[in-house]
């Protein structure tokens, strides 16, 4: 079993541990398939941070749309990021938001790979 770091070196420690555990029983071909699909679908925490910062320029909620949280994105857009309080909280928790999204994507991709 290869280390996931070989295929996804851009992952941070917590995400790397999660992914390593998720794909621990994959063979080499499945691991390559998983890493290719996952890399294309995951969101970089830096992107979430930058789009949350855009909320202070008057376009709040873009990061929520990127995280596929359409309802929250619309709410942030209409309320100026819940009067900027929600945007500030999201700036603090941007890594957690990205990790939650990415872990859901990883489970989905792993399920697809296991079925094939």
PDB file of N, CA and C in Angstrom:
ATOM      1  N   UNK A   1       0.856  -1.193   0.000  1.00  0.00           N
ATOM      2  CA  UNK A   1       0.000   0.000   0.000  1.00  0.00           C
ATOM      3  C   UNK A   1       0.885   1.233   0.000  1.00  0.00           C
ATOM      4  N   UNK A   2       0.672   2.103  -0.957  1.00  0.00           N
ATOM      5  CA  UNK A   2       1.443   3.340  -1.064  1.00  0.00           C
ATOM      6  C   UNK A   2       0.875   4.409  -0.152  1.00  0.00           C
ATOM      7  N   UNK A   3       1.717   5.344   0.156  1.00  0.00           N
ATOM      8  CA  UNK A   3       1.303   6.494   0.948  1.00  0.00           C
ATOM      9  C   UNK A   3       0.554   7.463   0.037  1.00  0.00           C
ATOM     10  N   UNK A   4      -0.543   8.009   0.533  1.00  0.00           N
ATOM     11  CA  UNK A   4      -1.363   8.934  -0.259  1.00  0.00           C
ATOM     12  C   UNK A   4      -0.580  10.197  -0.598  1.00  0.00           C
ATOM     13  N   UNK A   5       0.421  10.518   0.204  1.00  0.00           N
ATOM     14  CA  UNK A   5       1.240  11.713  -0.042  1.00  0.00           C
ATOM     15  C   UNK A   5       1.907  11.660  -1.415  1.00  0.00           C
ATOM     16  N   UNK A   6       2.206  10.469  -1.888  1.00  0.00           N
ATOM     17  CA  UNK A   6       2.811  10.299  -3.209  1.00  0.00           C
ATOM     18  C   UNK A   6       1.907  10.849  -4.306  1.00  0.00           C
ATOM     19  N   UNK A   7       0.601  10.684  -4.136  1.00  0.00           N
ATOM     20  CA  UNK A   7      -0.357  11.071  -5.165  1.00  0.00           C
ATOM     21  C   UNK A   7      -1.003  12.427  -4.909  1.00  0.00           C
ATOM     22  N   UNK A   8      -1.096  12.820  -3.647  1.00  0.00           N
ATOM     23  CA  UNK A   8      -1.736  14.095  -3.287  1.00  0.00           C
ATOM     24  C   UNK A   8      -0.839  14.874  -2.317  1.00  0.00           C
ATOM     25  N   UNK A   9       0.296  15.376  -2.781  1.00  0.00           N
ATOM     26  CA  UNK A   9       1.228  16.068  -1.875  1.00  0.00           C
ATOM     27  C   UNK A   9       0.705  17.415  -1.373  1.00  0.00           C
ATOM     28  N   UNK A  10      -0.342  17.951  -1.981  1.00  0.00           N
ATOM     29  CA  UNK A  10      -0.857  19.266  -1.595  1.00  0.00           C
ATOM     30  C   UNK A  10      -1.748  19.224  -0.352  1.00  0.00           C
ATOM     31  N   UNK A  11      -2.076  18.041   0.133  1.00  0.00           N
ATOM     32  CA  UNK A  11      -2.962  17.924   1.280  1.00  0.00           C
ATOM     33  C   UNK A  11      -2.274  18.355   2.573  1.00  0.00           C
ATOM     34  N   UNK A  12      -3.056  18.977   3.446  1.00  0.00           N
ATOM     35  CA  UNK A  12      -2.549  19.318   4.769  1.00  0.00           C
ATOM     36  C   UNK A  12      -2.678  18.099   5.676  1.00  0.00           C
ATOM     37  N   UNK A  13      -2.061  18.150   6.844  1.00  0.00           N
ATOM     38  CA  UNK A  13      -1.915  16.981   7.717  1.00  0.00           C
ATOM     39  C   UNK A  13      -3.247  16.315   8.066  1.00  0.00           C
ATOM     40  N   UNK A  14      -4.203  17.078   8.557  1.00  0.00           N
ATOM     41  CA  UNK A  14      -5.484  16.499   8.977  1.00  0.00           C
ATOM     42  C   UNK A  14      -6.211  15.838   7.806  1.00  0.00           C
ATOM     43  N   UNK A  15      -6.220  16.526   6.685  1.00  0.00           N
ATOM     44  CA  UNK A  15      -6.871  15.979   5.489  1.00  0.00           C
ATOM     45  C   UNK A  15      -6.133  14.738   4.997  1.00  0.00           C
ATOM     46  N   UNK A  16      -4.806  14.774   5.067  1.00  0.00           N
ATOM     47  CA  UNK A  16      -3.993  13.639   4.637  1.00  0.00           C
ATOM     48  C   UNK A  16      -4.314  12.401   5.484  1.00  0.00           C
ATOM     49  N   UNK A  17      -4.408  12.572   6.803  1.00  0.00           N
ATOM     50  CA  UNK A  17      -4.730  11.443   7.680  1.00  0.00           C
ATOM     51  C   UNK A  17      -6.109  10.876   7.359  1.00  0.00           C
ATOM     52  N   UNK A  18      -7.062  11.772   7.140  1.00  0.00           N
ATOM     53  CA  UNK A  18      -8.423  11.344   6.828  1.00  0.00           C
ATOM     54  C   UNK A  18      -8.451  10.533   5.529  1.00  0.00           C
ATOM     55  N   UNK A  19      -7.805  11.053   4.505  1.00  0.00           N
ATOM     56  CA  UNK A  19      -7.785  10.390   3.199  1.00  0.00           C
ATOM     57  C   UNK A  19      -7.039   9.065   3.290  1.00  0.00           C
ATOM     58  N   UNK A  20      -5.909   9.052   4.004  1.00  0.00           N
ATOM     59  CA  UNK A  20      -5.125   7.823   4.151  1.00  0.00           C
ATOM     60  C   UNK A  20      -5.977   6.718   4.783  1.00  0.00           C
ATOM     61  N   UNK A  21      -6.746   7.081   5.798  1.00  0.00           N
ATOM     62  CA  UNK A  21      -7.621   6.114   6.449  1.00  0.00           C
ATOM     63  C   UNK A  21      -8.741   5.649   5.511  1.00  0.00           C
ATOM     64  N   UNK A  22      -9.263   6.576   4.727  1.00  0.00           N
ATOM     65  CA  UNK A  22     -10.374   6.273   3.823  1.00  0.00           C
ATOM     66  C   UNK A  22      -9.967   5.299   2.716  1.00  0.00           C
ATOM     67  N   UNK A  23      -8.750   5.435   2.222  1.00  0.00           N
ATOM     68  CA  UNK A  23      -8.300   4.629   1.079  1.00  0.00           C
ATOM     69  C   UNK A  23      -7.317   3.532   1.486  1.00  0.00           C
ATOM     70  N   UNK A  24      -7.302   3.179   2.754  1.00  0.00           N
ATOM     71  CA  UNK A  24      -6.310   2.229   3.255  1.00  0.00           C
ATOM     72  C   UNK A  24      -6.396   0.855   2.588  1.00  0.00           C
ATOM     73  N   UNK A  25      -7.557   0.465   2.108  1.00  0.00           N
ATOM     74  CA  UNK A  25      -7.686  -0.854   1.471  1.00  0.00           C
ATOM     75  C   UNK A  25      -7.720  -0.780  -0.057  1.00  0.00           C
ATOM     76  N   UNK A  26      -7.385   0.350  -0.629  1.00  0.00           N
ATOM     77  CA  UNK A  26      -7.357   0.491  -2.088  1.00  0.00           C
ATOM     78  C   UNK A  26      -6.060  -0.092  -2.637  1.00  0.00           C
ATOM     79  N   UNK A  27      -6.146  -0.678  -3.825  1.00  0.00           N
ATOM     80  CA  UNK A  27      -4.918  -1.082  -4.497  1.00  0.00           C
ATOM     81  C   UNK A  27      -4.339   0.130  -5.242  1.00  0.00           C
ATOM     82  N   UNK A  28      -3.206  -0.065  -5.879  1.00  0.00           N
ATOM     83  CA  UNK A  28      -2.488   1.040  -6.528  1.00  0.00           C
ATOM     84  C   UNK A  28      -3.331   1.732  -7.603  1.00  0.00           C
ATOM     85  N   UNK A  29      -4.010   0.955  -8.436  1.00  0.00           N
ATOM     86  CA  UNK A  29      -4.836   1.526  -9.503  1.00  0.00           C
ATOM     87  C   UNK A  29      -6.001   2.324  -8.938  1.00  0.00           C
ATOM     88  N   UNK A  30      -6.646   1.810  -7.903  1.00  0.00           N
ATOM     89  CA  UNK A  30      -7.750   2.527  -7.268  1.00  0.00           C
ATOM     90  C   UNK A  30      -7.253   3.816  -6.620  1.00  0.00           C
ATOM     91  N   UNK A  31      -6.066   3.762  -6.040  1.00  0.00           N
ATOM     92  CA  UNK A  31      -5.487   4.938  -5.411  1.00  0.00           C
ATOM     93  C   UNK A  31      -5.199   6.037  -6.440  1.00  0.00           C
ATOM     94  N   UNK A  32      -4.710   5.646  -7.586  1.00  0.00           N
ATOM     95  CA  UNK A  32      -4.450   6.609  -8.661  1.00  0.00           C
ATOM     96  C   UNK A  32      -5.770   7.209  -9.160  1.00  0.00           C
ATOM     97  N   UNK A  33      -6.767   6.369  -9.359  1.00  0.00           N
ATOM     98  CA  UNK A  33      -8.088   6.845  -9.785  1.00  0.00           C
ATOM     99  C   UNK A  33      -8.662   7.820  -8.771  1.00  0.00           C
ATOM    100  N   UNK A  34      -8.619   7.425  -7.499  1.00  0.00           N
ATOM    101  CA  UNK A  34      -9.146   8.272  -6.431  1.00  0.00           C
ATOM    102  C   UNK A  34      -8.443   9.628  -6.422  1.00  0.00           C
ATOM    103  N   UNK A  35      -7.123   9.613  -6.470  1.00  0.00           N
ATOM    104  CA  UNK A  35      -6.381  10.877  -6.372  1.00  0.00           C
ATOM    105  C   UNK A  35      -6.672  11.798  -7.551  1.00  0.00           C
ATOM    106  N   UNK A  36      -6.834  11.245  -8.736  1.00  0.00           N
ATOM    107  CA  UNK A  36      -7.144  12.079  -9.902  1.00  0.00           C
ATOM    108  C   UNK A  36      -8.514  12.733  -9.785  1.00  0.00           C
ATOM    109  N   UNK A  37      -9.514  11.956  -9.373  1.00  0.00           N
ATOM    110  CA  UNK A  37     -10.867  12.507  -9.246  1.00  0.00           C
ATOM    111  C   UNK A  37     -10.938  13.485  -8.077  1.00  0.00           C
ATOM    112  N   UNK A  38     -10.369  13.082  -6.949  1.00  0.00           N
ATOM    113  CA  UNK A  38     -10.439  13.917  -5.743  1.00  0.00           C
ATOM    114  C   UNK A  38      -9.728  15.253  -5.933  1.00  0.00           C
ATOM    115  N   UNK A  39      -8.576  15.239  -6.565  1.00  0.00           N
ATOM    116  CA  UNK A  39      -7.822  16.475  -6.790  1.00  0.00           C
ATOM    117  C   UNK A  39      -8.645  17.486  -7.596  1.00  0.00           C
ATOM    118  N   UNK A  40      -9.404  17.005  -8.553  1.00  0.00           N
ATOM    119  CA  UNK A  40     -10.210  17.896  -9.385  1.00  0.00           C
ATOM    120  C   UNK A  40     -11.442  18.440  -8.678  1.00  0.00           C
ATOM    121  N   UNK A  41     -11.917  17.733  -7.651  1.00  0.00           N
ATOM    122  CA  UNK A  41     -13.166  18.132  -6.999  1.00  0.00           C
ATOM    123  C   UNK A  41     -12.977  18.820  -5.652  1.00  0.00           C
ATOM    124  N   UNK A  42     -11.814  18.696  -5.044  1.00  0.00           N
ATOM    125  CA  UNK A  42     -11.610  19.271  -3.712  1.00  0.00           C
ATOM    126  C   UNK A  42     -11.425  20.792  -3.807  1.00  0.00           C
ATOM    127  N   UNK A  43     -11.678  21.458  -2.695  1.00  0.00           N
ATOM    128  CA  UNK A  43     -11.493  22.913  -2.614  1.00  0.00           C
ATOM    129  C   UNK A  43     -10.294  23.201  -1.725  1.00  0.00           C
ATOM    130  N   UNK A  44      -9.410  24.032  -2.219  1.00  0.00           N
ATOM    131  CA  UNK A  44      -8.233  24.428  -1.463  1.00  0.00           C
ATOM    132  C   UNK A  44      -8.662  25.401  -0.365  1.00  0.00           C
ATOM    133  N   UNK A  45      -8.225  25.193   0.877  1.00  0.00           N
ATOM    134  CA  UNK A  45      -8.596  26.111   1.957  1.00  0.00           C
ATOM    135  C   UNK A  45      -8.212  27.562   1.674  1.00  0.00           C
ATOM    136  N   UNK A  46      -7.131  27.777   0.945  1.00  0.00           N
ATOM    137  CA  UNK A  46      -6.723  29.149   0.608  1.00  0.00           C
ATOM    138  C   UNK A  46      -7.766  29.821  -0.282  1.00  0.00           C
ATOM    139  N   UNK A  47      -8.350  29.072  -1.199  1.00  0.00           N
ATOM    140  CA  UNK A  47      -9.410  29.609  -2.057  1.00  0.00           C
ATOM    141  C   UNK A  47     -10.616  30.020  -1.217  1.00  0.00           C
ATOM    142  N   UNK A  48     -10.956  29.210  -0.219  1.00  0.00           N
ATOM    143  CA  UNK A  48     -12.076  29.541   0.663  1.00  0.00           C
ATOM    144  C   UNK A  48     -11.767  30.814   1.444  1.00  0.00           C
ATOM    145  N   UNK A  49     -10.542  30.941   1.930  1.00  0.00           N
ATOM    146  CA  UNK A  49     -10.136  32.142   2.661  1.00  0.00           C
ATOM    147  C   UNK A  49     -10.236  33.384   1.778  1.00  0.00           C
ATOM    148  N   UNK A  50      -9.711  33.292   0.573  1.00  0.00           N
ATOM    149  CA  UNK A  50      -9.718  34.454  -0.326  1.00  0.00           C
ATOM    150  C   UNK A  50     -11.135  34.860  -0.728  1.00  0.00           C
ATOM    151  N   UNK A  51     -11.978  33.881  -0.999  1.00  0.00           N
ATOM    152  CA  UNK A  51     -13.347  34.232  -1.386  1.00  0.00           C
ATOM    153  C   UNK A  51     -14.158  34.739  -0.191  1.00  0.00           C
ATOM    154  N   UNK A  52     -13.820  34.292   1.013  1.00  0.00           N
ATOM    155  CA  UNK A  52     -14.478  34.844   2.202  1.00  0.00           C
ATOM    156  C   UNK A  52     -14.052  36.298   2.399  1.00  0.00           C
ATOM    157  N   UNK A  53     -12.800  36.615   2.106  1.00  0.00           N
ATOM    158  CA  UNK A  53     -12.319  37.999   2.213  1.00  0.00           C
ATOM    159  C   UNK A  53     -13.039  38.926   1.236  1.00  0.00           C
ATOM    160  N   UNK A  54     -13.469  38.392   0.103  1.00  0.00           N
ATOM    161  CA  UNK A  54     -14.214  39.177  -0.871  1.00  0.00           C
ATOM    162  C   UNK A  54     -15.518  39.685  -0.252  1.00  0.00           C
ATOM    163  N   UNK A  55     -15.990  39.001   0.773  1.00  0.00           N
ATOM    164  CA  UNK A  55     -17.206  39.416   1.470  1.00  0.00           C
ATOM    165  C   UNK A  55     -17.116  40.817   2.044  1.00  0.00           C
ATOM    166  N   UNK A  56     -15.918  41.284   2.353  1.00  0.00           N
ATOM    167  CA  UNK A  56     -15.749  42.636   2.883  1.00  0.00           C
ATOM    168  C   UNK A  56     -15.779  43.689   1.782  1.00  0.00           C
ATOM    169  N   UNK A  57     -15.778  43.244   0.531  1.00  0.00           N
ATOM    170  CA  UNK A  57     -15.874  44.171  -0.590  1.00  0.00           C
ATOM    171  C   UNK A  57     -17.315  44.330  -1.068  1.00  0.00           C
ATOM    172  N   UNK A  58     -18.237  43.679  -0.376  1.00  0.00           N
ATOM    173  CA  UNK A  58     -19.645  43.831  -0.712  1.00  0.00           C
ATOM    174  C   UNK A  58     -20.281  42.637  -1.384  1.00  0.00           C
ATOM    175  N   UNK A  59     -19.525  41.584  -1.635  1.00  0.00           N
ATOM    176  CA  UNK A  59     -20.077  40.394  -2.291  1.00  0.00           C
ATOM    177  C   UNK A  59     -19.900  39.216  -1.338  1.00  0.00           C
ATOM    178  N   UNK A  60     -20.655  39.206  -0.290  1.00  0.00           N
ATOM    179  CA  UNK A  60     -20.545  38.149   0.720  1.00  0.00           C
ATOM    180  C   UNK A  60     -21.147  36.849   0.231  1.00  0.00           C
ATOM    181  N   UNK A  61     -20.615  35.750   0.715  1.00  0.00           N
ATOM    182  CA  UNK A  61     -21.198  34.444   0.471  1.00  0.00           C
ATOM    183  C   UNK A  61     -20.634  33.660  -0.683  1.00  0.00           C
ATOM    184  N   UNK A  62     -19.689  34.205  -1.422  1.00  0.00           N
ATOM    185  CA  UNK A  62     -19.125  33.468  -2.559  1.00  0.00           C
ATOM    186  C   UNK A  62     -18.520  32.154  -2.093  1.00  0.00           C
ATOM    187  N   UNK A  63     -17.841  32.189  -0.963  1.00  0.00           N
ATOM    188  CA  UNK A  63     -17.219  30.968  -0.454  1.00  0.00           C
ATOM    189  C   UNK A  63     -18.269  29.910  -0.109  1.00  0.00           C
ATOM    190  N   UNK A  64     -19.437  30.327   0.332  1.00  0.00           N
ATOM    191  CA  UNK A  64     -20.505  29.364   0.635  1.00  0.00           C
ATOM    192  C   UNK A  64     -21.037  28.718  -0.640  1.00  0.00           C
ATOM    193  N   UNK A  65     -21.125  29.493  -1.723  1.00  0.00           N
ATOM    194  CA  UNK A  65     -21.526  28.913  -3.002  1.00  0.00           C
ATOM    195  C   UNK A  65     -20.496  27.889  -3.464  1.00  0.00           C
ATOM    196  N   UNK A  66     -19.198  28.194  -3.303  1.00  0.00           N
ATOM    197  CA  UNK A  66     -18.142  27.261  -3.695  1.00  0.00           C
ATOM    198  C   UNK A  66     -18.204  25.967  -2.896  1.00  0.00           C
ATOM    199  N   UNK A  67     -18.652  26.071  -1.652  1.00  0.00           N
ATOM    200  CA  UNK A  67     -18.748  24.898  -0.785  1.00  0.00           C
ATOM    201  C   UNK A  67     -20.076  24.163  -0.969  1.00  0.00           C
ATOM    202  N   UNK A  68     -20.814  24.563  -1.981  1.00  0.00           N
ATOM    203  CA  UNK A  68     -22.100  23.949  -2.331  1.00  0.00           C
ATOM    204  C   UNK A  68     -23.153  24.158  -1.246  1.00  0.00           C
ATOM    205  N   UNK A  69     -23.039  25.256  -0.515  1.00  0.00           N
ATOM    206  CA  UNK A  69     -24.026  25.636   0.497  1.00  0.00           C
ATOM    207  C   UNK A  69     -24.825  26.816  -0.062  1.00  0.00           C
ATOM    208  N   UNK A  70     -25.682  26.514  -1.011  1.00  0.00           N
ATOM    209  CA  UNK A  70     -26.394  27.530  -1.780  1.00  0.00           C
ATOM    210  C   UNK A  70     -27.283  28.399  -0.886  1.00  0.00           C
ATOM    211  N   UNK A  71     -28.003  27.780   0.018  1.00  0.00           N
ATOM    212  CA  UNK A  71     -28.887  28.535   0.911  1.00  0.00           C
ATOM    213  C   UNK A  71     -28.119  29.536   1.754  1.00  0.00           C
ATOM    214  N   UNK A  72     -27.016  29.104   2.342  1.00  0.00           N
ATOM    215  CA  UNK A  72     -26.196  30.015   3.151  1.00  0.00           C
ATOM    216  C   UNK A  72     -25.571  31.093   2.269  1.00  0.00           C
ATOM    217  N   UNK A  73     -25.200  30.735   1.055  1.00  0.00           N
ATOM    218  CA  UNK A  73     -24.637  31.720   0.137  1.00  0.00           C
ATOM    219  C   UNK A  73     -25.623  32.828  -0.167  1.00  0.00           C
ATOM    220  N   UNK A  74     -26.872  32.465  -0.425  1.00  0.00           N
ATOM    221  CA  UNK A  74     -27.915  33.462  -0.692  1.00  0.00           C
ATOM    222  C   UNK A  74     -28.166  34.305   0.553  1.00  0.00           C
ATOM    223  N   UNK A  75     -28.225  33.664   1.715  1.00  0.00           N
ATOM    224  CA  UNK A  75     -28.423  34.391   2.968  1.00  0.00           C
ATOM    225  C   UNK A  75     -27.293  35.395   3.211  1.00  0.00           C
ATOM    226  N   UNK A  76     -26.060  34.967   3.013  1.00  0.00           N
ATOM    227  CA  UNK A  76     -24.913  35.872   3.190  1.00  0.00           C
ATOM    228  C   UNK A  76     -24.976  37.018   2.179  1.00  0.00           C
ATOM    229  N   UNK A  77     -25.346  36.705   0.955  1.00  0.00           N
ATOM    230  CA  UNK A  77     -25.421  37.723  -0.091  1.00  0.00           C
ATOM    231  C   UNK A  77     -26.464  38.783   0.242  1.00  0.00           C
ATOM    232  N   UNK A  78     -27.611  38.361   0.759  1.00  0.00           N
ATOM    233  CA  UNK A  78     -28.696  39.295   1.048  1.00  0.00           C
ATOM    234  C   UNK A  78     -28.522  40.057   2.368  1.00  0.00           C
ATOM    235  N   UNK A  79     -27.699  39.517   3.277  1.00  0.00           N
ATOM    236  CA  UNK A  79     -27.550  40.152   4.595  1.00  0.00           C
ATOM    237  C   UNK A  79     -26.146  40.693   4.843  1.00  0.00           C
ATOM    238  N   UNK A  80     -25.370  40.863   3.779  1.00  0.00           N
ATOM    239  CA  UNK A  80     -23.974  41.319   3.896  1.00  0.00           C
ATOM    240  C   UNK A  80     -23.205  40.428   4.865  1.00  0.00           C
ATOM    241  N   UNK A  81     -23.291  39.145   4.640  1.00  0.00           N
ATOM    242  CA  UNK A  81     -22.572  38.196   5.478  1.00  0.00           C
ATOM    243  C   UNK A  81     -23.065  38.193   6.899  1.00  0.00           C
ATOM    244  N   UNK A  82     -24.405  38.288   7.044  1.00  0.00           N
ATOM    245  CA  UNK A  82     -25.045  38.414   8.360  1.00  0.00           C
ATOM    246  C   UNK A  82     -24.379  39.549   9.135  1.00  0.00           C
ATOM    247  N   UNK A  83     -24.388  40.728   8.481  1.00  0.00           N
ATOM    248  CA  UNK A  83     -23.786  41.959   9.021  1.00  0.00           C
ATOM    249  C   UNK A  83     -22.305  41.762   9.324  1.00  0.00           C
ATOM    250  N   UNK A  84     -21.619  41.052   8.478  1.00  0.00           N
ATOM    251  CA  UNK A  84     -20.185  40.765   8.535  1.00  0.00           C
ATOM    252  C   UNK A  84     -19.782  39.826   9.665  1.00  0.00           C
ATOM    253  N   UNK A  85     -20.665  39.533  10.588  1.00  0.00           N
ATOM    254  CA  UNK A  85     -20.312  38.639  11.691  1.00  0.00           C
ATOM    255  C   UNK A  85     -20.088  37.219  11.166  1.00  0.00           C
ATOM    256  N   UNK A  86     -20.973  36.737  10.314  1.00  0.00           N
ATOM    257  CA  UNK A  86     -20.815  35.413   9.723  1.00  0.00           C
ATOM    258  C   UNK A  86     -19.560  35.315   8.879  1.00  0.00           C
ATOM    259  N   UNK A  87     -19.257  36.388   8.152  1.00  0.00           N
ATOM    260  CA  UNK A  87     -18.053  36.402   7.329  1.00  0.00           C
ATOM    261  C   UNK A  87     -16.804  36.343   8.203  1.00  0.00           C
ATOM    262  N   UNK A  88     -16.795  37.062   9.297  1.00  0.00           N
ATOM    263  CA  UNK A  88     -15.642  37.036  10.210  1.00  0.00           C
ATOM    264  C   UNK A  88     -15.473  35.639  10.809  1.00  0.00           C
ATOM    265  N   UNK A  89     -16.571  35.031  11.203  1.00  0.00           N
ATOM    266  CA  UNK A  89     -16.496  33.671  11.749  1.00  0.00           C
ATOM    267  C   UNK A  89     -15.973  32.702  10.693  1.00  0.00           C
ATOM    268  N   UNK A  90     -16.435  32.859   9.457  1.00  0.00           N
ATOM    269  CA  UNK A  90     -15.959  31.991   8.382  1.00  0.00           C
ATOM    270  C   UNK A  90     -14.477  32.224   8.080  1.00  0.00           C
ATOM    271  N   UNK A  91     -14.005  33.447   8.246  1.00  0.00           N
ATOM    272  CA  UNK A  91     -12.576  33.716   8.057  1.00  0.00           C
ATOM    273  C   UNK A  91     -11.746  32.969   9.102  1.00  0.00           C
ATOM    274  N   UNK A  92     -12.270  32.869  10.287  1.00  0.00           N
ATOM    275  CA  UNK A  92     -11.568  32.147  11.352  1.00  0.00           C
ATOM    276  C   UNK A  92     -11.630  30.636  11.112  1.00  0.00           C
ATOM    277  N   UNK A  93     -12.760  30.166  10.621  1.00  0.00           N
ATOM    278  CA  UNK A  93     -13.001  28.726  10.452  1.00  0.00           C
ATOM    279  C   UNK A  93     -12.845  28.233   9.016  1.00  0.00           C
ATOM    280  N   UNK A  94     -12.130  28.953   8.178  1.00  0.00           N
ATOM    281  CA  UNK A  94     -12.070  28.581   6.764  1.00  0.00           C
ATOM    282  C   UNK A  94     -11.483  27.188   6.541  1.00  0.00           C
ATOM    283  N   UNK A  95     -10.514  26.781   7.345  1.00  0.00           N
ATOM    284  CA  UNK A  95      -9.931  25.443   7.169  1.00  0.00           C
ATOM    285  C   UNK A  95     -10.948  24.362   7.531  1.00  0.00           C
ATOM    286  N   UNK A  96     -11.728  24.609   8.549  1.00  0.00           N
ATOM    287  CA  UNK A  96     -12.753  23.646   8.949  1.00  0.00           C
ATOM    288  C   UNK A  96     -13.817  23.525   7.867  1.00  0.00           C
ATOM    289  N   UNK A  97     -14.237  24.661   7.294  1.00  0.00           N
ATOM    290  CA  UNK A  97     -15.237  24.631   6.222  1.00  0.00           C
ATOM    291  C   UNK A  97     -14.718  23.833   5.027  1.00  0.00           C
ATOM    292  N   UNK A  98     -13.463  24.075   4.646  1.00  0.00           N
ATOM    293  CA  UNK A  98     -12.882  23.358   3.513  1.00  0.00           C
ATOM    294  C   UNK A  98     -12.732  21.874   3.830  1.00  0.00           C
ATOM    295  N   UNK A  99     -12.315  21.545   5.057  1.00  0.00           N
ATOM    296  CA  UNK A  99     -12.147  20.139   5.436  1.00  0.00           C
ATOM    297  C   UNK A  99     -13.484  19.396   5.405  1.00  0.00           C
ATOM    298  N   UNK A 100     -14.539  20.020   5.898  1.00  0.00           N
ATOM    299  CA  UNK A 100     -15.854  19.378   5.884  1.00  0.00           C
ATOM    300  C   UNK A 100     -16.308  19.099   4.451  1.00  0.00           C
ATOM    301  N   UNK A 101     -16.140  20.085   3.579  1.00  0.00           N
ATOM    302  CA  UNK A 101     -16.520  19.900   2.174  1.00  0.00           C
ATOM    303  C   UNK A 101     -15.672  18.792   1.545  1.00  0.00           C
ATOM    304  N   UNK A 102     -14.357  18.873   1.756  1.00  0.00           N
ATOM    305  CA  UNK A 102     -13.444  17.914   1.137  1.00  0.00           C
ATOM    306  C   UNK A 102     -13.656  16.497   1.666  1.00  0.00           C
ATOM    307  N   UNK A 103     -13.982  16.351   2.937  1.00  0.00           N
ATOM    308  CA  UNK A 103     -14.217  15.006   3.467  1.00  0.00           C
ATOM    309  C   UNK A 103     -15.481  14.403   2.863  1.00  0.00           C
ATOM    310  N   UNK A 104     -16.496  15.216   2.633  1.00  0.00           N
ATOM    311  CA  UNK A 104     -17.703  14.715   1.952  1.00  0.00           C
ATOM    312  C   UNK A 104     -17.386  14.281   0.530  1.00  0.00           C
ATOM    313  N   UNK A 105     -16.599  15.083  -0.164  1.00  0.00           N
ATOM    314  CA  UNK A 105     -16.203  14.743  -1.536  1.00  0.00           C
ATOM    315  C   UNK A 105     -15.367  13.467  -1.534  1.00  0.00           C
ATOM    316  N   UNK A 106     -14.458  13.336  -0.580  1.00  0.00           N
ATOM    317  CA  UNK A 106     -13.593  12.153  -0.510  1.00  0.00           C
ATOM    318  C   UNK A 106     -14.421  10.893  -0.290  1.00  0.00           C
ATOM    319  N   UNK A 107     -15.404  10.952   0.607  1.00  0.00           N
ATOM    320  CA  UNK A 107     -16.272   9.788   0.839  1.00  0.00           C
ATOM    321  C   UNK A 107     -17.049   9.434  -0.427  1.00  0.00           C
ATOM    322  N   UNK A 108     -17.531  10.459  -1.121  1.00  0.00           N
ATOM    323  CA  UNK A 108     -18.283  10.232  -2.353  1.00  0.00           C
ATOM    324  C   UNK A 108     -17.405   9.581  -3.418  1.00  0.00           C
ATOM    325  N   UNK A 109     -16.203  10.103  -3.606  1.00  0.00           N
ATOM    326  CA  UNK A 109     -15.285   9.565  -4.610  1.00  0.00           C
ATOM    327  C   UNK A 109     -14.861   8.146  -4.228  1.00  0.00           C
ATOM    328  N   UNK A 110     -14.573   7.917  -2.950  1.00  0.00           N
ATOM    329  CA  UNK A 110     -14.182   6.570  -2.508  1.00  0.00           C
ATOM    330  C   UNK A 110     -15.304   5.577  -2.771  1.00  0.00           C
ATOM    331  N   UNK A 111     -16.546   5.989  -2.555  1.00  0.00           N
ATOM    332  CA  UNK A 111     -17.677   5.124  -2.834  1.00  0.00           C
ATOM    333  C   UNK A 111     -17.775   4.774  -4.309  1.00  0.00           C
ATOM    334  N   UNK A 112     -17.519   5.755  -5.152  1.00  0.00           N
ATOM    335  CA  UNK A 112     -17.551   5.523  -6.610  1.00  0.00           C
ATOM    336  C   UNK A 112     -16.452   4.525  -7.001  1.00  0.00           C
ATOM    337  N   UNK A 113     -15.259   4.724  -6.463  1.00  0.00           N
ATOM    338  CA  UNK A 113     -14.124   3.856  -6.809  1.00  0.00           C
ATOM    339  C   UNK A 113     -14.390   2.435  -6.313  1.00  0.00           C
ATOM    340  N   UNK A 114     -14.954   2.276  -5.127  1.00  0.00           N
ATOM    341  CA  UNK A 114     -15.223   0.940  -4.577  1.00  0.00           C
ATOM    342  C   UNK A 114     -16.252   0.183  -5.412  1.00  0.00           C
ATOM    343  N   UNK A 115     -17.227   0.901  -5.978  1.00  0.00           N
ATOM    344  CA  UNK A 115     -18.269   0.259  -6.786  1.00  0.00           C
ATOM    345  C   UNK A 115     -17.736  -0.245  -8.109  1.00  0.00           C
ATOM    346  N   UNK A 116     -16.677   0.401  -8.599  1.00  0.00           N
ATOM    347  CA  UNK A 116     -16.144   0.014  -9.922  1.00  0.00           C
ATOM    348  C   UNK A 116     -15.240  -1.148  -9.845  1.00  0.00           C
TER     349      UNK A 116
END
